[in-house]
Amino acid sequence: MAQITDTGGEFRKKRRRELLTFAVLAFGIWPVVAVGVVGGYGFLVWMYQIVNGPPGPHEIKPAPSASVE
C-alpha cells in the first residue's frame, strides 16, 4: 500500500507557496500584461492613423445643384 508522505508542515508550505504564486500572477503579472496589450493596440491604431489618416470620408464634394435654370 502507498503511504502519503506529506506531513502537515509540508502541506502548509506547499499551500502558502501556491497562494503566493497565485497572488503574484493575479495581482502583479496579469494586470501589467493586460495594460500592455491594450496600450499596444492603442499605439498601433494611433500609428496607423498618423500614416493613413483618420477613418471616414476624406474628400467632401459639394452636391450638384438640382435647380434647372
PDB file of N, CA and C in Angstrom:
ATOM      1  N   MET A   1       0.837  -1.187   0.000  1.00  0.00           N
ATOM      2  CA  MET A   1       0.000   0.000   0.000  1.00  0.00           C
ATOM      3  C   MET A   1       0.880   1.247   0.000  1.00  0.00           C
ATOM      4  N   ALA A   2       0.408   2.246  -0.748  1.00  0.00           N
ATOM      5  CA  ALA A   2       1.141   3.504  -0.798  1.00  0.00           C
ATOM      6  C   ALA A   2       0.768   4.359   0.406  1.00  0.00           C
ATOM      7  N   GLN A   3       1.767   4.996   0.951  1.00  0.00           N
ATOM      8  CA  GLN A   3       1.514   5.867   2.089  1.00  0.00           C
ATOM      9  C   GLN A   3       1.720   7.319   1.667  1.00  0.00           C
ATOM     10  N   ILE A   4       0.955   8.186   2.262  1.00  0.00           N
ATOM     11  CA  ILE A   4       1.099   9.616   2.000  1.00  0.00           C
ATOM     12  C   ILE A   4       2.259  10.108   2.849  1.00  0.00           C
ATOM     13  N   THR A   5       3.245  10.707   2.204  1.00  0.00           N
ATOM     14  CA  THR A   5       4.439  11.138   2.931  1.00  0.00           C
ATOM     15  C   THR A   5       4.396  12.603   3.323  1.00  0.00           C
ATOM     16  N   ASP A   6       3.434  13.375   2.821  1.00  0.00           N
ATOM     17  CA  ASP A   6       3.338  14.791   3.193  1.00  0.00           C
ATOM     18  C   ASP A   6       2.922  14.915   4.645  1.00  0.00           C
ATOM     19  N   THR A   7       3.669  15.665   5.379  1.00  0.00           N
ATOM     20  CA  THR A   7       3.280  15.959   6.751  1.00  0.00           C
ATOM     21  C   THR A   7       2.509  17.266   6.741  1.00  0.00           C
ATOM     22  N   GLY A   8       1.963  17.621   7.855  1.00  0.00           N
ATOM     23  CA  GLY A   8       1.190  18.867   7.947  1.00  0.00           C
ATOM     24  C   GLY A   8       2.017  20.089   7.618  1.00  0.00           C
ATOM     25  N   GLY A   9       3.281  20.107   8.037  1.00  0.00           N
ATOM     26  CA  GLY A   9       4.152  21.255   7.762  1.00  0.00           C
ATOM     27  C   GLY A   9       4.459  21.402   6.289  1.00  0.00           C
ATOM     28  N   GLU A  10       4.709  20.280   5.631  1.00  0.00           N
ATOM     29  CA  GLU A  10       4.990  20.337   4.203  1.00  0.00           C
ATOM     30  C   GLU A  10       3.767  20.789   3.414  1.00  0.00           C
ATOM     31  N   PHE A  11       2.597  20.340   3.837  1.00  0.00           N
ATOM     32  CA  PHE A  11       1.358  20.745   3.170  1.00  0.00           C
ATOM     33  C   PHE A  11       1.146  22.246   3.295  1.00  0.00           C
ATOM     34  N   ARG A  12       1.399  22.775   4.496  1.00  0.00           N
ATOM     35  CA  ARG A  12       1.218  24.222   4.705  1.00  0.00           C
ATOM     36  C   ARG A  12       2.204  25.028   3.866  1.00  0.00           C
ATOM     37  N   LYS A  13       3.451  24.565   3.782  1.00  0.00           N
ATOM     38  CA  LYS A  13       4.457  25.272   2.967  1.00  0.00           C
ATOM     39  C   LYS A  13       4.071  25.260   1.494  1.00  0.00           C
ATOM     40  N   LYS A  14       3.605  24.102   1.028  1.00  0.00           N
ATOM     41  CA  LYS A  14       3.189  23.992  -0.376  1.00  0.00           C
ATOM     42  C   LYS A  14       1.981  24.875  -0.660  1.00  0.00           C
ATOM     43  N   ARG A  15       1.034  24.878   0.253  1.00  0.00           N
ATOM     44  CA  ARG A  15      -0.160  25.707   0.068  1.00  0.00           C
ATOM     45  C   ARG A  15       0.206  27.192   0.081  1.00  0.00           C
ATOM     46  N   ARG A  16       1.082  27.596   0.997  1.00  0.00           N
ATOM     47  CA  ARG A  16       1.498  29.005   1.057  1.00  0.00           C
ATOM     48  C   ARG A  16       2.211  29.407  -0.233  1.00  0.00           C
ATOM     49  N   ARG A  17       3.076  28.529  -0.750  1.00  0.00           N
ATOM     50  CA  ARG A  17       3.785  28.821  -1.989  1.00  0.00           C
ATOM     51  C   ARG A  17       2.812  28.958  -3.162  1.00  0.00           C
ATOM     52  N   GLU A  18       1.807  28.081  -3.232  1.00  0.00           N
ATOM     53  CA  GLU A  18       0.821  28.161  -4.305  1.00  0.00           C
ATOM     54  C   GLU A  18      -0.025  29.427  -4.199  1.00  0.00           C
ATOM     55  N   LEU A  19      -0.406  29.805  -2.978  1.00  0.00           N
ATOM     56  CA  LEU A  19      -1.179  31.039  -2.798  1.00  0.00           C
ATOM     57  C   LEU A  19      -0.348  32.262  -3.166  1.00  0.00           C
ATOM     58  N   LEU A  20       0.929  32.256  -2.814  1.00  0.00           N
ATOM     59  CA  LEU A  20       1.798  33.371  -3.179  1.00  0.00           C
ATOM     60  C   LEU A  20       1.961  33.451  -4.699  1.00  0.00           C
ATOM     61  N   THR A  21       2.115  32.305  -5.347  1.00  0.00           N
ATOM     62  CA  THR A  21       2.218  32.276  -6.809  1.00  0.00           C
ATOM     63  C   THR A  21       0.942  32.814  -7.450  1.00  0.00           C
ATOM     64  N   PHE A  22      -0.206  32.398  -6.937  1.00  0.00           N
ATOM     65  CA  PHE A  22      -1.481  32.895  -7.457  1.00  0.00           C
ATOM     66  C   PHE A  22      -1.589  34.403  -7.274  1.00  0.00           C
ATOM     67  N   ALA A  23      -1.231  34.903  -6.096  1.00  0.00           N
ATOM     68  CA  ALA A  23      -1.335  36.339  -5.832  1.00  0.00           C
ATOM     69  C   ALA A  23      -0.432  37.137  -6.768  1.00  0.00           C
ATOM     70  N   VAL A  24       0.783  36.646  -6.987  1.00  0.00           N
ATOM     71  CA  VAL A  24       1.703  37.356  -7.883  1.00  0.00           C
ATOM     72  C   VAL A  24       1.143  37.375  -9.306  1.00  0.00           C
ATOM     73  N   LEU A  25       0.611  36.238  -9.754  1.00  0.00           N
ATOM     74  CA  LEU A  25       0.036  36.194 -11.099  1.00  0.00           C
ATOM     75  C   LEU A  25      -1.216  37.062 -11.207  1.00  0.00           C
ATOM     76  N   ALA A  26      -2.136  36.921 -10.251  1.00  0.00           N
ATOM     77  CA  ALA A  26      -3.436  37.582 -10.345  1.00  0.00           C
ATOM     78  C   ALA A  26      -3.351  39.089 -10.142  1.00  0.00           C
ATOM     79  N   PHE A  27      -2.452  39.538  -9.269  1.00  0.00           N
ATOM     80  CA  PHE A  27      -2.422  40.961  -8.938  1.00  0.00           C
ATOM     81  C   PHE A  27      -1.157  41.669  -9.395  1.00  0.00           C
ATOM     82  N   GLY A  28      -0.231  40.940  -9.992  1.00  0.00           N
ATOM     83  CA  GLY A  28       1.006  41.552 -10.429  1.00  0.00           C
ATOM     84  C   GLY A  28       1.229  41.425 -11.917  1.00  0.00           C
ATOM     85  N   ILE A  29       1.350  40.207 -12.387  1.00  0.00           N
ATOM     86  CA  ILE A  29       1.754  39.993 -13.777  1.00  0.00           C
ATOM     87  C   ILE A  29       0.608  40.218 -14.752  1.00  0.00           C
ATOM     88  N   TRP A  30      -0.564  39.614 -14.508  1.00  0.00           N
ATOM     89  CA  TRP A  30      -1.665  39.725 -15.477  1.00  0.00           C
ATOM     90  C   TRP A  30      -2.186  41.150 -15.651  1.00  0.00           C
ATOM     91  N   PRO A  31      -2.295  41.968 -14.612  1.00  0.00           N
ATOM     92  CA  PRO A  31      -2.701  43.364 -14.868  1.00  0.00           C
ATOM     93  C   PRO A  31      -1.690  44.116 -15.735  1.00  0.00           C
ATOM     94  N   VAL A  32      -0.411  43.862 -15.528  1.00  0.00           N
ATOM     95  CA  VAL A  32       0.607  44.525 -16.347  1.00  0.00           C
ATOM     96  C   VAL A  32       0.503  44.050 -17.796  1.00  0.00           C
ATOM     97  N   VAL A  33       0.283  42.764 -17.999  1.00  0.00           N
ATOM     98  CA  VAL A  33       0.121  42.230 -19.353  1.00  0.00           C
ATOM     99  C   VAL A  33      -1.117  42.830 -20.022  1.00  0.00           C
ATOM    100  N   ALA A  34      -2.223  42.926 -19.278  1.00  0.00           N
ATOM    101  CA  ALA A  34      -3.462  43.481 -19.843  1.00  0.00           C
ATOM    102  C   ALA A  34      -3.275  44.939 -20.251  1.00  0.00           C
ATOM    103  N   VAL A  35      -2.644  45.739 -19.401  1.00  0.00           N
ATOM    104  CA  VAL A  35      -2.406  47.148 -19.734  1.00  0.00           C
ATOM    105  C   VAL A  35      -1.467  47.251 -20.931  1.00  0.00           C
ATOM    106  N   GLY A  36      -0.478  46.390 -21.004  1.00  0.00           N
ATOM    107  CA  GLY A  36       0.437  46.401 -22.137  1.00  0.00           C
ATOM    108  C   GLY A  36      -0.241  46.050 -23.443  1.00  0.00           C
ATOM    109  N   VAL A  37      -1.135  45.069 -23.416  1.00  0.00           N
ATOM    110  CA  VAL A  37      -1.846  44.672 -24.643  1.00  0.00           C
ATOM    111  C   VAL A  37      -2.764  45.791 -25.113  1.00  0.00           C
ATOM    112  N   VAL A  38      -3.535  46.359 -24.209  1.00  0.00           N
ATOM    113  CA  VAL A  38      -4.456  47.442 -24.588  1.00  0.00           C
ATOM    114  C   VAL A  38      -3.676  48.672 -25.040  1.00  0.00           C
ATOM    115  N   GLY A  39      -2.604  49.002 -24.331  1.00  0.00           N
ATOM    116  CA  GLY A  39      -1.779  50.144 -24.730  1.00  0.00           C
ATOM    117  C   GLY A  39      -1.100  49.921 -26.066  1.00  0.00           C
ATOM    118  N   GLY A  40      -0.640  48.692 -26.302  1.00  0.00           N
ATOM    119  CA  GLY A  40      -0.013  48.371 -27.581  1.00  0.00           C
ATOM    120  C   GLY A  40      -0.990  48.478 -28.729  1.00  0.00           C
ATOM    121  N   TYR A  41      -2.208  48.010 -28.523  1.00  0.00           N
ATOM    122  CA  TYR A  41      -3.227  48.116 -29.571  1.00  0.00           C
ATOM    123  C   TYR A  41      -3.554  49.589 -29.849  1.00  0.00           C
ATOM    124  N   GLY A  42      -3.696  50.369 -28.801  1.00  0.00           N
ATOM    125  CA  GLY A  42      -3.948  51.798 -28.984  1.00  0.00           C
ATOM    126  C   GLY A  42      -2.820  52.481 -29.739  1.00  0.00           C
ATOM    127  N   PHE A  43      -1.587  52.102 -29.425  1.00  0.00           N
ATOM    128  CA  PHE A  43      -0.438  52.677 -30.130  1.00  0.00           C
ATOM    129  C   PHE A  43      -0.456  52.301 -31.605  1.00  0.00           C
ATOM    130  N   LEU A  44      -0.802  51.037 -31.908  1.00  0.00           N
ATOM    131  CA  LEU A  44      -0.870  50.617 -33.312  1.00  0.00           C
ATOM    132  C   LEU A  44      -1.942  51.386 -34.077  1.00  0.00           C
ATOM    133  N   VAL A  45      -3.101  51.579 -33.464  1.00  0.00           N
ATOM    134  CA  VAL A  45      -4.168  52.350 -34.119  1.00  0.00           C
ATOM    135  C   VAL A  45      -3.718  53.786 -34.330  1.00  0.00           C
ATOM    136  N   TRP A  46      -3.072  54.362 -33.336  1.00  0.00           N
ATOM    137  CA  TRP A  46      -2.584  55.742 -33.437  1.00  0.00           C
ATOM    138  C   TRP A  46      -1.576  55.872 -34.583  1.00  0.00           C
ATOM    139  N   MET A  47      -0.620  54.946 -34.656  1.00  0.00           N
ATOM    140  CA  MET A  47       0.369  54.993 -35.735  1.00  0.00           C
ATOM    141  C   MET A  47      -0.291  54.783 -37.103  1.00  0.00           C
ATOM    142  N   TYR A  48      -1.242  53.880 -37.191  1.00  0.00           N
ATOM    143  CA  TYR A  48      -1.955  53.649 -38.447  1.00  0.00           C
ATOM    144  C   TYR A  48      -2.659  54.930 -38.911  1.00  0.00           C
ATOM    145  N   GLN A  49      -3.277  55.633 -37.971  1.00  0.00           N
ATOM    146  CA  GLN A  49      -3.995  56.858 -38.339  1.00  0.00           C
ATOM    147  C   GLN A  49      -3.040  57.991 -38.677  1.00  0.00           C
ATOM    148  N   ILE A  50      -1.847  57.998 -38.106  1.00  0.00           N
ATOM    149  CA  ILE A  50      -0.863  59.011 -38.480  1.00  0.00           C
ATOM    150  C   ILE A  50      -0.430  58.800 -39.937  1.00  0.00           C
ATOM    151  N   VAL A  51      -0.257  57.546 -40.333  1.00  0.00           N
ATOM    152  CA  VAL A  51       0.205  57.241 -41.689  1.00  0.00           C
ATOM    153  C   VAL A  51      -0.925  57.378 -42.699  1.00  0.00           C
ATOM    154  N   ASN A  52      -2.111  56.837 -42.407  1.00  0.00           N
ATOM    155  CA  ASN A  52      -3.199  56.770 -43.385  1.00  0.00           C
ATOM    156  C   ASN A  52      -4.314  57.769 -43.159  1.00  0.00           C
ATOM    157  N   GLY A  53      -4.276  58.524 -42.125  1.00  0.00           N
ATOM    158  CA  GLY A  53      -5.323  59.483 -41.844  1.00  0.00           C
ATOM    159  C   GLY A  53      -6.454  58.862 -41.047  1.00  0.00           C
ATOM    160  N   PRO A  54      -7.303  59.695 -40.489  1.00  0.00           N
ATOM    161  CA  PRO A  54      -8.410  59.179 -39.680  1.00  0.00           C
ATOM    162  C   PRO A  54      -9.457  58.490 -40.547  1.00  0.00           C
ATOM    163  N   PRO A  55     -10.282  57.646 -39.957  1.00  0.00           N
ATOM    164  CA  PRO A  55     -11.325  56.974 -40.736  1.00  0.00           C
ATOM    165  C   PRO A  55     -12.420  57.959 -41.144  1.00  0.00           C
ATOM    166  N   GLY A  56     -13.133  57.623 -42.178  1.00  0.00           N
ATOM    167  CA  GLY A  56     -14.240  58.467 -42.629  1.00  0.00           C
ATOM    168  C   GLY A  56     -13.971  59.017 -44.009  1.00  0.00           C
ATOM    169  N   PRO A  57     -14.910  59.791 -44.507  1.00  0.00           N
ATOM    170  CA  PRO A  57     -14.718  60.359 -45.849  1.00  0.00           C
ATOM    171  C   PRO A  57     -13.584  61.386 -45.831  1.00  0.00           C
ATOM    172  N   HIS A  58     -12.703  61.283 -46.825  1.00  0.00           N
ATOM    173  CA  HIS A  58     -11.548  62.169 -46.851  1.00  0.00           C
ATOM    174  C   HIS A  58     -11.795  63.409 -47.694  1.00  0.00           C
ATOM    175  N   GLU A  59     -12.554  63.270 -48.762  1.00  0.00           N
ATOM    176  CA  GLU A  59     -12.848  64.416 -49.611  1.00  0.00           C
ATOM    177  C   GLU A  59     -14.346  64.647 -49.601  1.00  0.00           C
ATOM    178  N   ILE A  60     -14.746  65.817 -49.200  1.00  0.00           N
ATOM    179  CA  ILE A  60     -16.163  66.155 -49.192  1.00  0.00           C
ATOM    180  C   ILE A  60     -16.416  67.070 -50.385  1.00  0.00           C
ATOM    181  N   LYS A  61     -17.188  66.556 -51.321  1.00  0.00           N
ATOM    182  CA  LYS A  61     -17.500  67.323 -52.523  1.00  0.00           C
ATOM    183  C   LYS A  61     -18.909  67.872 -52.383  1.00  0.00           C
ATOM    184  N   PRO A  62     -19.133  69.094 -52.806  1.00  0.00           N
ATOM    185  CA  PRO A  62     -20.491  69.635 -52.724  1.00  0.00           C
ATOM    186  C   PRO A  62     -21.443  68.891 -53.664  1.00  0.00           C
ATOM    187  N   ALA A  63     -22.657  68.763 -53.240  1.00  0.00           N
ATOM    188  CA  ALA A  63     -23.650  68.087 -54.052  1.00  0.00           C
ATOM    189  C   ALA A  63     -23.950  68.920 -55.300  1.00  0.00           C
ATOM    190  N   PRO A  64     -24.213  68.262 -56.398  1.00  0.00           N
ATOM    191  CA  PRO A  64     -24.552  69.047 -57.603  1.00  0.00           C
ATOM    192  C   PRO A  64     -25.870  69.781 -57.420  1.00  0.00           C
ATOM    193  N   SER A  65     -25.941  70.899 -58.062  1.00  0.00           N
ATOM    194  CA  SER A  65     -27.143  71.716 -57.943  1.00  0.00           C
ATOM    195  C   SER A  65     -28.315  71.013 -58.632  1.00  0.00           C
ATOM    196  N   ALA A  66     -29.460  70.976 -57.968  1.00  0.00           N
ATOM    197  CA  ALA A  66     -30.644  70.303 -58.518  1.00  0.00           C
ATOM    198  C   ALA A  66     -31.534  71.284 -59.267  1.00  0.00           C
ATOM    199  N   SER A  67     -31.259  72.559 -59.169  1.00  0.00           N
ATOM    200  CA  SER A  67     -32.131  73.526 -59.844  1.00  0.00           C
ATOM    201  C   SER A  67     -31.762  73.610 -61.316  1.00  0.00           C
ATOM    202  N   VAL A  68     -32.783  73.654 -62.157  1.00  0.00           N
ATOM    203  CA  VAL A  68     -32.570  73.780 -63.602  1.00  0.00           C
ATOM    204  C   VAL A  68     -32.975  75.190 -63.982  1.00  0.00           C
ATOM    205  N   GLU A  69     -32.074  75.905 -64.624  1.00  0.00           N
ATOM    206  CA  GLU A  69     -32.396  77.296 -64.984  1.00  0.00           C
ATOM    207  C   GLU A  69     -32.501  77.475 -66.459  1.00  0.00           C
TER     208      GLU A  69
END
